[in-house]
Amino acid sequence: MEKKDFESDTRYAATWRDENGRLRPINFYVYRLYDEFMIVRMTDREGFLRRLPYEDIVKIVRTMPVREEDRFFLPEAILAEANWKDRTVMHTYSSSPHMGK
């Protein structure tokens, strides 16, 4: 897949090629798109932020835009591209004002 196939603040159900080359289902929320990768939160796993290369996604099964009041917010510094040059996973907490958090 390519950058143009994804949008920020959107949830996706997709087919992902894992570290071992096996195809797996994946659900994730896209925070930020960069030229080579996107910053996502896995919604069906532990909830860590991850650097996910576009080429690891084989097929998009479902796209679910997130209403503005339901979006999760993180500080800009955490999402900055410079923080992800040598990092693939980050544990952090995000909240949505609409959800009372």
Protein backbone atom coordinates (compact mmCIF):
# COMPACT_ATOMS: atom_id res chain seq x y z
CA MET A 1 0.00 0.00 0.00
CA GLU A 2 1.00 3.66 -0.25
CA LYS A 3 0.55 6.84 1.78
CA LYS A 4 -2.36 7.96 -0.44
CA ASP A 5 -4.34 4.87 0.63
CA PHE A 6 -4.59 6.07 4.25
CA GLU A 7 -5.94 9.08 6.18
CA SER A 8 -5.20 10.44 9.64
CA ASP A 9 -7.80 9.99 12.41
CA THR A 10 -9.28 6.94 10.73
CA ARG A 11 -9.67 3.35 11.91
CA TYR A 12 -8.77 0.50 9.61
CA ALA A 13 -9.32 -3.23 9.50
CA ALA A 14 -6.68 -4.68 7.21
CA THR A 15 -4.42 -7.59 6.33
CA TRP A 16 -0.89 -7.09 7.65
CA ARG A 17 2.37 -8.91 6.86
CA ASP A 18 4.00 -9.51 10.27
CA GLU A 19 7.70 -9.70 11.14
CA ASN A 20 7.80 -13.37 10.07
CA GLY A 21 6.14 -12.70 6.71
CA ARG A 22 2.80 -14.24 7.69
CA LEU A 23 -0.46 -12.53 6.79
CA ARG A 24 -2.51 -11.51 9.84
CA PRO A 25 -5.66 -9.46 10.47
CA ILE A 26 -5.01 -6.09 12.10
CA ASN A 27 -7.14 -3.22 13.42
CA PHE A 28 -5.53 0.17 13.95
CA TYR A 29 -6.13 3.90 14.36
CA VAL A 30 -3.94 6.23 12.28
CA TYR A 31 -2.54 9.26 14.09
CA ARG A 32 -0.08 10.64 11.58
CA LEU A 33 1.14 9.89 8.06
CA TYR A 34 4.73 10.40 6.94
CA ASP A 35 6.43 9.62 3.63
CA GLU A 36 7.76 6.17 4.60
CA PHE A 37 5.54 5.13 7.51
CA MET A 38 2.51 5.99 9.64
CA ILE A 39 2.08 6.25 13.41
CA VAL A 40 -0.78 4.01 14.54
CA ARG A 41 -2.34 2.57 17.69
CA MET A 42 -3.35 -1.07 17.46
CA THR A 43 -6.99 -1.25 18.54
CA ASP A 44 -7.11 -5.04 18.75
CA ARG A 45 -3.86 -5.56 20.67
CA GLU A 46 -1.97 -3.98 23.59
CA GLY A 47 -2.62 -0.38 22.48
CA PHE A 48 1.00 0.70 22.01
CA LEU A 49 1.88 3.31 19.42
CA ARG A 50 3.67 1.75 16.49
CA ARG A 51 5.62 2.84 13.47
CA LEU A 52 3.95 0.94 10.62
CA PRO A 53 5.47 0.99 7.11
CA TYR A 54 2.88 1.25 4.33
CA GLU A 55 4.28 -1.79 2.54
CA ASP A 56 3.45 -4.02 5.54
CA ILE A 57 -0.28 -3.55 4.84
CA VAL A 58 -1.38 -5.94 2.12
CA LYS A 59 -5.09 -5.12 1.88
CA ILE A 60 -7.56 -2.73 3.51
CA VAL A 61 -10.73 -4.56 4.47
CA ARG A 62 -12.70 -1.75 6.13
CA THR A 63 -12.25 1.98 6.69
CA MET A 64 -14.01 3.79 9.54
CA PRO A 65 -13.57 7.59 9.77
CA VAL A 66 -13.59 8.83 13.39
CA ARG A 67 -15.79 11.79 14.35
CA GLU A 68 -13.82 14.74 15.68
CA GLU A 69 -15.24 14.44 19.20
CA ASP A 70 -14.21 10.75 19.35
CA ARG A 71 -10.61 11.23 18.20
CA PHE A 72 -7.72 10.40 20.49
CA PHE A 73 -5.24 13.18 21.14
CA LEU A 74 -1.52 12.98 21.82
CA PRO A 75 1.03 15.76 22.26
CA GLU A 76 2.60 16.89 19.00
CA ALA A 77 6.10 16.05 20.29
CA ILE A 78 5.20 12.35 20.59
CA LEU A 79 4.00 12.21 17.01
CA ALA A 80 6.95 14.15 15.56
CA GLU A 81 8.78 12.27 12.84
CA ALA A 82 12.15 12.81 14.55
CA ASN A 83 10.99 10.71 17.53
CA TRP A 84 10.31 7.75 15.25
CA LYS A 85 13.58 7.59 13.27
CA ASP A 86 15.03 4.83 15.50
CA ARG A 87 11.89 3.64 17.30
CA THR A 88 9.20 1.15 16.30
CA VAL A 89 7.04 0.99 19.46
CA MET A 90 6.10 3.46 22.19
CA HIS A 91 3.89 3.00 25.23
CA THR A 92 1.79 6.10 25.97
CA TYR A 93 -1.70 7.06 27.04
CA SER A 94 -4.09 9.07 24.90
CA SER A 95 -7.53 10.38 25.65
CA SER A 96 -10.65 11.67 24.00
CA PRO A 97 -12.51 14.56 25.65
CA HIS A 98 -15.77 13.16 24.35
CA MET A 99 -15.15 9.90 26.21
CA GLY A 100 -14.71 11.68 29.55
CA LYS A 101 -11.01 10.87 29.84
